[in-house]
C-alpha atoms as a PDB file:
ATOM      1  CA  UNK A   1      -3.897  87.679 154.503  1.00  0.00           C
ATOM      2  CA  UNK A   2      -1.483  90.341 152.802  1.00  0.00           C
ATOM      3  CA  UNK A   3       1.638  88.748 151.581  1.00  0.00           C
ATOM      4  CA  UNK A   4       4.900  89.095 153.094  1.00  0.00           C
ATOM      5  CA  UNK A   5       7.741  91.181 151.559  1.00  0.00           C
ATOM      6  CA  UNK A   6       9.497  88.924 151.001  1.00  0.00           C
ATOM      7  CA  UNK A   7       6.548  86.375 148.665  1.00  0.00           C
ATOM      8  CA  UNK A   8       6.208  89.680 147.160  1.00  0.00           C
ATOM      9  CA  UNK A   9       9.915  90.179 146.123  1.00  0.00           C
ATOM     10  CA  UNK A  10      10.748  86.414 145.161  1.00  0.00           C
ATOM     11  CA  UNK A  11       7.499  86.149 143.238  1.00  0.00           C
ATOM     12  CA  UNK A  12       8.718  89.910 142.183  1.00  0.00           C
ATOM     13  CA  UNK A  13      12.129  88.273 140.170  1.00  0.00           C
ATOM     14  CA  UNK A  14      10.545  85.221 139.276  1.00  0.00           C
ATOM     15  CA  UNK A  15       8.854  86.775 137.262  1.00  0.00           C
ATOM     16  CA  UNK A  16      11.794  88.596 135.772  1.00  0.00           C
ATOM     17  CA  UNK A  17      13.217  85.766 135.483  1.00  0.00           C
ATOM     18  CA  UNK A  18      11.300  83.672 133.798  1.00  0.00           C
ATOM     19  CA  UNK A  19       8.408  86.510 131.840  1.00  0.00           C
ATOM     20  CA  UNK A  20      12.376  86.711 129.405  1.00  0.00           C
ATOM     21  CA  UNK A  21      14.588  84.675 126.630  1.00  0.00           C
ATOM     22  CA  UNK A  22      17.423  84.543 128.628  1.00  0.00           C
ATOM     23  CA  UNK A  23      18.745  81.617 129.125  1.00  0.00           C
ATOM     24  CA  UNK A  24      22.387  82.864 132.308  1.00  0.00           C
ATOM     25  CA  UNK A  25      22.706  81.098 135.518  1.00  0.00           C
ATOM     26  CA  UNK A  26      23.392  83.888 137.083  1.00  0.00           C
ATOM     27  CA  UNK A  27      20.089  86.836 137.787  1.00  0.00           C
ATOM     28  CA  UNK A  28      22.415  89.692 139.609  1.00  0.00           C
ATOM     29  CA  UNK A  29      20.744  92.265 140.309  1.00  0.00           C
ATOM     30  CA  UNK A  30      22.656  96.051 142.611  1.00  0.00           C
ATOM     31  CA  UNK A  31      20.050  97.322 145.485  1.00  0.00           C
ATOM     32  CA  UNK A  32      20.610  99.934 148.271  1.00  0.00           C
ATOM     33  CA  UNK A  33      20.907  98.603 151.765  1.00  0.00           C
ATOM     34  CA  UNK A  34      17.280  99.077 152.925  1.00  0.00           C
ATOM     35  CA  UNK A  35      16.646  96.363 150.971  1.00  0.00           C
ATOM     36  CA  UNK A  36      20.147  93.614 152.090  1.00  0.00           C
ATOM     37  CA  UNK A  37      18.464  92.479 155.674  1.00  0.00           C
ATOM     38  CA  UNK A  38      15.812  90.559 153.350  1.00  0.00           C
ATOM     39  CA  UNK A  39      18.391  89.559 149.583  1.00  0.00           C
ATOM     40  CA  UNK A  40      19.571  86.500 151.144  1.00  0.00           C
ATOM     41  CA  UNK A  41      16.151  84.764 152.169  1.00  0.00           C
ATOM     42  CA  UNK A  42      15.270  85.836 148.950  1.00  0.00           C
ATOM     43  CA  UNK A  43      18.233  84.652 146.757  1.00  0.00           C
ATOM     44  CA  UNK A  44      17.556  81.419 148.398  1.00  0.00           C
ATOM     45  CA  UNK A  45      13.746  80.874 148.570  1.00  0.00           C
ATOM     46  CA  UNK A  46      14.547  82.887 144.876  1.00  0.00           C
ATOM     47  CA  UNK A  47      16.911  80.010 144.001  1.00  0.00           C
ATOM     48  CA  UNK A  48      14.627  76.745 145.315  1.00  0.00           C
ATOM     49  CA  UNK A  49      12.444  78.315 143.263  1.00  0.00           C
ATOM     50  CA  UNK A  50      13.824  78.459 140.035  1.00  0.00           C
ATOM     51  CA  UNK A  51      17.115  77.066 139.825  1.00  0.00           C
ATOM     52  CA  UNK A  52      18.685  80.983 138.696  1.00  0.00           C
ATOM     53  CA  UNK A  53      21.767  82.149 140.917  1.00  0.00           C
ATOM     54  CA  UNK A  54      20.387  85.544 142.017  1.00  0.00           C
ATOM     55  CA  UNK A  55      23.413  87.520 143.339  1.00  0.00           C
ATOM     56  CA  UNK A  56      22.412  90.828 145.617  1.00  0.00           C
ATOM     57  CA  UNK A  57      25.074  93.431 145.098  1.00  0.00           C
ATOM     58  CA  UNK A  58      24.033  95.949 148.106  1.00  0.00           C
ATOM     59  CA  UNK A  59      25.164  99.382 147.916  1.00  0.00           C
ATOM     60  CA  UNK A  60      24.741 102.588 149.520  1.00  0.00           C
ATOM     61  CA  UNK A  61      21.892 105.007 147.219  1.00  0.00           C
ATOM     62  CA  UNK A  62      25.065 107.628 146.768  1.00  0.00           C
ATOM     63  CA  UNK A  63      26.833 104.714 145.002  1.00  0.00           C
ATOM     64  CA  UNK A  64      24.483 103.703 142.971  1.00  0.00           C
ATOM     65  CA  UNK A  65      24.587 105.838 139.979  1.00  0.00           C
ATOM     66  CA  UNK A  66      28.479 104.960 139.482  1.00  0.00           C
ATOM     67  CA  UNK A  67      28.117 100.812 140.360  1.00  0.00           C
ATOM     68  CA  UNK A  68      25.673 101.332 137.204  1.00  0.00           C
ATOM     69  CA  UNK A  69      27.783 102.918 134.605  1.00  0.00           C
ATOM     70  CA  UNK A  70      30.668 100.626 135.727  1.00  0.00           C
ATOM     71  CA  UNK A  71      29.242  97.167 136.303  1.00  0.00           C
ATOM     72  CA  UNK A  72      26.557  95.354 134.253  1.00  0.00           C
ATOM     73  CA  UNK A  73      23.467  94.757 136.149  1.00  0.00           C
ATOM     74  CA  UNK A  74      19.246  92.483 136.166  1.00  0.00           C
ATOM     75  CA  UNK A  75      17.808  94.569 137.789  1.00  0.00           C
ATOM     76  CA  UNK A  76      17.892  97.084 140.630  1.00  0.00           C
ATOM     77  CA  UNK A  77      15.874  97.918 142.962  1.00  0.00           C
ATOM     78  CA  UNK A  78      15.857 101.239 144.500  1.00  0.00           C
ATOM     79  CA  UNK A  79      13.704 103.549 145.877  1.00  0.00           C
ATOM     80  CA  UNK A  80      10.879 105.062 144.190  1.00  0.00           C
ATOM     81  CA  UNK A  81      12.075 109.026 143.299  1.00  0.00           C
ATOM     82  CA  UNK A  82      15.649 107.366 142.531  1.00  0.00           C
ATOM     83  CA  UNK A  83      13.576 104.349 139.835  1.00  0.00           C
ATOM     84  CA  UNK A  84      12.458 107.893 138.757  1.00  0.00           C
ATOM     85  CA  UNK A  85      15.127 108.894 137.521  1.00  0.00           C
ATOM     86  CA  UNK A  86      16.324 106.301 136.084  1.00  0.00           C
ATOM     87  CA  UNK A  87      13.187 105.912 134.093  1.00  0.00           C
ATOM     88  CA  UNK A  88      13.301 108.799 133.308  1.00  0.00           C
ATOM     89  CA  UNK A  89      17.029 108.453 131.566  1.00  0.00           C
ATOM     90  CA  UNK A  90      16.013 105.443 130.077  1.00  0.00           C
ATOM     91  CA  UNK A  91      17.563 102.858 131.907  1.00  0.00           C
ATOM     92  CA  UNK A  92      15.103 100.643 133.205  1.00  0.00           C
ATOM     93  CA  UNK A  93      13.303  98.413 130.129  1.00  0.00           C
ATOM     94  CA  UNK A  94       9.312  99.802 129.754  1.00  0.00           C
ATOM     95  CA  UNK A  95       6.529  98.624 132.217  1.00  0.00           C
ATOM     96  CA  UNK A  96       8.884  96.434 133.894  1.00  0.00           C
ATOM     97  CA  UNK A  97       8.665  98.719 137.769  1.00  0.00           C
ATOM     98  CA  UNK A  98       7.166  96.385 140.643  1.00  0.00           C
ATOM     99  CA  UNK A  99       6.655  97.783 143.910  1.00  0.00           C
ATOM    100  CA  UNK A 100       8.319  95.715 146.541  1.00  0.00           C
ATOM    101  CA  UNK A 101       7.694  97.064 149.401  1.00  0.00           C
ATOM    102  CA  UNK A 102       7.568 100.278 151.985  1.00  0.00           C
ATOM    103  CA  UNK A 103       9.419 101.002 154.890  1.00  0.00           C
ATOM    104  CA  UNK A 104       8.773 103.082 157.591  1.00  0.00           C
ATOM    105  CA  UNK A 105      11.451 105.510 159.956  1.00  0.00           C
ATOM    106  CA  UNK A 106      12.260 103.833 163.477  1.00  0.00           C
ATOM    107  CA  UNK A 107      14.485 106.203 166.278  1.00  0.00           C
ATOM    108  CA  UNK A 108      17.554 103.548 167.836  1.00  0.00           C
ATOM    109  CA  UNK A 109      19.286 104.777 171.055  1.00  0.00           C
ATOM    110  CA  UNK A 110      22.516 102.652 172.693  1.00  0.00           C
ATOM    111  CA  UNK A 111      22.601  99.048 173.224  1.00  0.00           C
ATOM    112  CA  UNK A 112      21.931  98.193 176.727  1.00  0.00           C
ATOM    113  CA  UNK A 113      21.125 101.997 177.688  1.00  0.00           C
ATOM    114  CA  UNK A 114      17.887 104.251 178.565  1.00  0.00           C
ATOM    115  CA  UNK A 115      15.568 104.040 176.205  1.00  0.00           C
ATOM    116  CA  UNK A 116      13.379 106.979 175.610  1.00  0.00           C
ATOM    117  CA  UNK A 117       9.096 106.627 174.959  1.00  0.00           C
ATOM    118  CA  UNK A 118       8.685 108.193 171.818  1.00  0.00           C
ATOM    119  CA  UNK A 119       5.100 107.062 171.431  1.00  0.00           C
ATOM    120  CA  UNK A 120       3.578 109.390 170.685  1.00  0.00           C
ATOM    121  CA  UNK A 121       5.088 113.137 169.437  1.00  0.00           C
ATOM    122  CA  UNK A 122       5.054 114.923 171.965  1.00  0.00           C
ATOM    123  CA  UNK A 123       7.385 112.435 174.020  1.00  0.00           C
ATOM    124  CA  UNK A 124       9.108 112.139 170.820  1.00  0.00           C
ATOM    125  CA  UNK A 125      10.171 115.959 171.277  1.00  0.00           C
ATOM    126  CA  UNK A 126      10.646 115.448 174.823  1.00  0.00           C
ATOM    127  CA  UNK A 127      12.937 112.980 174.566  1.00  0.00           C
ATOM    128  CA  UNK A 128      15.457 114.754 171.242  1.00  0.00           C
ATOM    129  CA  UNK A 129      15.420 117.614 172.803  1.00  0.00           C
ATOM    130  CA  UNK A 130      16.459 116.240 176.288  1.00  0.00           C
ATOM    131  CA  UNK A 131      19.703 114.374 174.156  1.00  0.00           C
ATOM    132  CA  UNK A 132      22.181 115.934 173.539  1.00  0.00           C
ATOM    133  CA  UNK A 133      23.291 114.629 170.123  1.00  0.00           C
ATOM    134  CA  UNK A 134      21.660 113.550 166.990  1.00  0.00           C
ATOM    135  CA  UNK A 135      21.553 111.717 163.965  1.00  0.00           C
ATOM    136  CA  UNK A 136      20.091 111.013 160.302  1.00  0.00           C
ATOM    137  CA  UNK A 137      21.152 111.419 156.627  1.00  0.00           C
ATOM    138  CA  UNK A 138      21.656 114.317 155.258  1.00  0.00           C
ATOM    139  CA  UNK A 139      18.083 115.358 153.329  1.00  0.00           C
ATOM    140  CA  UNK A 140      20.550 115.788 150.796  1.00  0.00           C
ATOM    141  CA  UNK A 141      20.688 112.947 150.056  1.00  0.00           C
ATOM    142  CA  UNK A 142      18.583 110.798 147.459  1.00  0.00           C
ATOM    143  CA  UNK A 143      17.837 108.984 150.372  1.00  0.00           C
ATOM    144  CA  UNK A 144      14.027 109.301 152.069  1.00  0.00           C
ATOM    145  CA  UNK A 145      14.851 108.155 155.145  1.00  0.00           C
ATOM    146  CA  UNK A 146      16.503 111.693 156.397  1.00  0.00           C
ATOM    147  CA  UNK A 147      13.850 113.855 154.684  1.00  0.00           C
ATOM    148  CA  UNK A 148      11.259 111.822 157.203  1.00  0.00           C
ATOM    149  CA  UNK A 149      13.310 112.468 159.768  1.00  0.00           C
ATOM    150  CA  UNK A 150      13.369 115.618 159.566  1.00  0.00           C
ATOM    151  CA  UNK A 151      10.448 116.437 158.611  1.00  0.00           C
ATOM    152  CA  UNK A 152       9.150 115.140 161.335  1.00  0.00           C
ATOM    153  CA  UNK A 153      11.640 117.093 163.314  1.00  0.00           C
ATOM    154  CA  UNK A 154       9.535 120.271 161.095  1.00  0.00           C
ATOM    155  CA  UNK A 155       6.164 119.669 162.664  1.00  0.00           C
ATOM    156  CA  UNK A 156       7.539 118.807 165.739  1.00  0.00           C
ATOM    157  CA  UNK A 157       8.754 122.687 165.305  1.00  0.00           C
ATOM    158  CA  UNK A 158      12.110 122.263 166.725  1.00  0.00           C
ATOM    159  CA  UNK A 159      14.008 121.185 163.382  1.00  0.00           C
ATOM    160  CA  UNK A 160      16.293 124.387 164.249  1.00  0.00           C
ATOM    161  CA  UNK A 161      15.879 124.656 167.872  1.00  0.00           C
ATOM    162  CA  UNK A 162      18.477 120.963 166.967  1.00  0.00           C
ATOM    163  CA  UNK A 163      20.235 121.627 164.056  1.00  0.00           C
ATOM    164  CA  UNK A 164      23.204 122.469 166.665  1.00  0.00           C
ATOM    165  CA  UNK A 165      23.425 118.531 167.746  1.00  0.00           C
ATOM    166  CA  UNK A 166      22.466 117.139 164.210  1.00  0.00           C
ATOM    167  CA  UNK A 167      25.317 115.954 163.137  1.00  0.00           C
ATOM    168  CA  UNK A 168      24.152 113.880 159.672  1.00  0.00           C
ATOM    169  CA  UNK A 169      25.183 110.645 158.413  1.00  0.00           C
ATOM    170  CA  UNK A 170      25.601 107.838 156.890  1.00  0.00           C
ATOM    171  CA  UNK A 171      24.012 104.038 158.069  1.00  0.00           C
ATOM    172  CA  UNK A 172      26.864 102.717 158.516  1.00  0.00           C
ATOM    173  CA  UNK A 173      28.619 106.091 159.924  1.00  0.00           C
ATOM    174  CA  UNK A 174      25.463 107.814 162.179  1.00  0.00           C
ATOM    175  CA  UNK A 175      25.042 103.257 162.922  1.00  0.00           C
ATOM    176  CA  UNK A 176      28.475 103.554 164.403  1.00  0.00           C
ATOM    177  CA  UNK A 177      28.082 106.054 166.456  1.00  0.00           C
ATOM    178  CA  UNK A 178      25.167 105.598 168.517  1.00  0.00           C
ATOM    179  CA  UNK A 179      26.951 101.741 168.436  1.00  0.00           C
ATOM    180  CA  UNK A 180      29.208 103.782 170.464  1.00  0.00           C
ATOM    181  CA  UNK A 181      27.929 106.169 172.679  1.00  0.00           C
ATOM    182  CA  UNK A 182      29.126 109.336 170.787  1.00  0.00           C
ATOM    183  CA  UNK A 183      25.694 109.821 169.662  1.00  0.00           C
ATOM    184  CA  UNK A 184      22.572 109.284 171.831  1.00  0.00           C
ATOM    185  CA  UNK A 185      19.832 109.227 169.219  1.00  0.00           C
ATOM    186  CA  UNK A 186      19.759 107.680 165.655  1.00  0.00           C
ATOM    187  CA  UNK A 187      16.868 108.364 162.614  1.00  0.00           C
ATOM    188  CA  UNK A 188      16.705 104.486 160.643  1.00  0.00           C
ATOM    189  CA  UNK A 189      14.860 102.761 158.845  1.00  0.00           C
ATOM    190  CA  UNK A 190      13.667 100.204 160.579  1.00  0.00           C
ATOM    191  CA  UNK A 191      14.114  96.854 157.410  1.00  0.00           C
ATOM    192  CA  UNK A 192      18.340  98.581 158.194  1.00  0.00           C
ATOM    193  CA  UNK A 193      18.683  98.505 162.101  1.00  0.00           C
ATOM    194  CA  UNK A 194      22.363  98.468 162.417  1.00  0.00           C
ATOM    195  CA  UNK A 195      24.280  96.105 164.604  1.00  0.00           C
ATOM    196  CA  UNK A 196      24.982  97.122 168.312  1.00  0.00           C
ATOM    197  CA  UNK A 197      22.212  99.714 168.881  1.00  0.00           C
ATOM    198  CA  UNK A 198      17.942  98.873 170.295  1.00  0.00           C
ATOM    199  CA  UNK A 199      15.019 100.713 168.703  1.00  0.00           C
ATOM    200  CA  UNK A 200      13.505 103.361 171.094  1.00  0.00           C
ATOM    201  CA  UNK A 201      10.186 102.975 168.915  1.00  0.00           C
ATOM    202  CA  UNK A 202       8.993 104.413 165.124  1.00  0.00           C
ATOM    203  CA  UNK A 203       8.358 107.592 164.529  1.00  0.00           C
ATOM    204  CA  UNK A 204       4.646 108.382 164.793  1.00  0.00           C
ATOM    205  CA  UNK A 205       1.883 107.704 163.780  1.00  0.00           C
ATOM    206  CA  UNK A 206       1.573 111.886 162.311  1.00  0.00           C
ATOM    207  CA  UNK A 207       5.258 112.206 162.043  1.00  0.00           C
ATOM    208  CA  UNK A 208       6.081 108.308 159.974  1.00  0.00           C
ATOM    209  CA  UNK A 209       6.710 108.354 156.594  1.00  0.00           C
ATOM    210  CA  UNK A 210       7.980 105.986 153.711  1.00  0.00           C
ATOM    211  CA  UNK A 211      10.494 104.242 151.178  1.00  0.00           C
ATOM    212  CA  UNK A 212       8.842 102.872 148.601  1.00  0.00           C
ATOM    213  CA  UNK A 213      11.069 100.770 147.292  1.00  0.00           C
ATOM    214  CA  UNK A 214      10.579 100.288 144.052  1.00  0.00           C
ATOM    215  CA  UNK A 215      12.611  96.843 141.703  1.00  0.00           C
ATOM    216  CA  UNK A 216      12.104  96.790 137.468  1.00  0.00           C
ATOM    217  CA  UNK A 217      14.200  95.162 135.145  1.00  0.00           C
ATOM    218  CA  UNK A 218      17.555  96.961 133.793  1.00  0.00           C
ATOM    219  CA  UNK A 219      16.882  98.258 129.544  1.00  0.00           C
ATOM    220  CA  UNK A 220      21.110  97.197 128.972  1.00  0.00           C
ATOM    221  CA  UNK A 221      20.986  93.905 131.453  1.00  0.00           C
ATOM    222  CA  UNK A 222      20.919  90.274 130.172  1.00  0.00           C
ATOM    223  CA  UNK A 223      17.595  89.957 130.537  1.00  0.00           C
ATOM    224  CA  UNK A 224      16.514  93.434 129.286  1.00  0.00           C
ATOM    225  CA  UNK A 225      12.088  91.939 127.946  1.00  0.00           C
ATOM    226  CA  UNK A 226      10.020  93.405 130.868  1.00  0.00           C
ATOM    227  CA  UNK A 227       8.296  91.705 132.818  1.00  0.00           C
ATOM    228  CA  UNK A 228       4.942  90.044 130.871  1.00  0.00           C
ATOM    229  CA  UNK A 229       1.586  90.237 133.747  1.00  0.00           C
ATOM    230  CA  UNK A 230      -1.125  88.494 133.784  1.00  0.00           C
END
């Protein structure tokens, strides 16, 4: 049986601490929102297993750079494209990147409202064309959920057709729009479904894409030595 994302994450944090000379009791982790659902559970398990306290700071992707510039963290959890950028900039300890999970995209509607069938590309296409409005993150923002949703609509041949009724918004804003019924359909990472909405289903197989997340030690954190892989 494959290990769960939580098991992998706890093991990764344990490896980061155990393979450094850091003596600090707290491990400070800066993470994007896609990991926030599991963050508290991961932290609790990590503390029980190691005695080290882990503190998560959750920020949207576009605020990560600002947070890193203003504060000191020991590790980050980011999507692979974002991690690549920080690796190239020299922000990460060498050989410290560890894969954590991949997250797919789902279609959501207002909780308590009609739930469309999105189980096949054709059914998803019909649901999107029938919807009065939809939302997903802008593809220009460094969060690949928006790119995946846009690519799916492009494959369906309707990206241009639905442009006029599409509202690009962050998770918090987009989720609220759907929850209030102001927007009919939303596309969000399945790991960060907002309150007040119902998941109609994941993007059908041929249209699905995944955001892969990694953890890494920051070169300027209190634990800048890379993990020793066994």
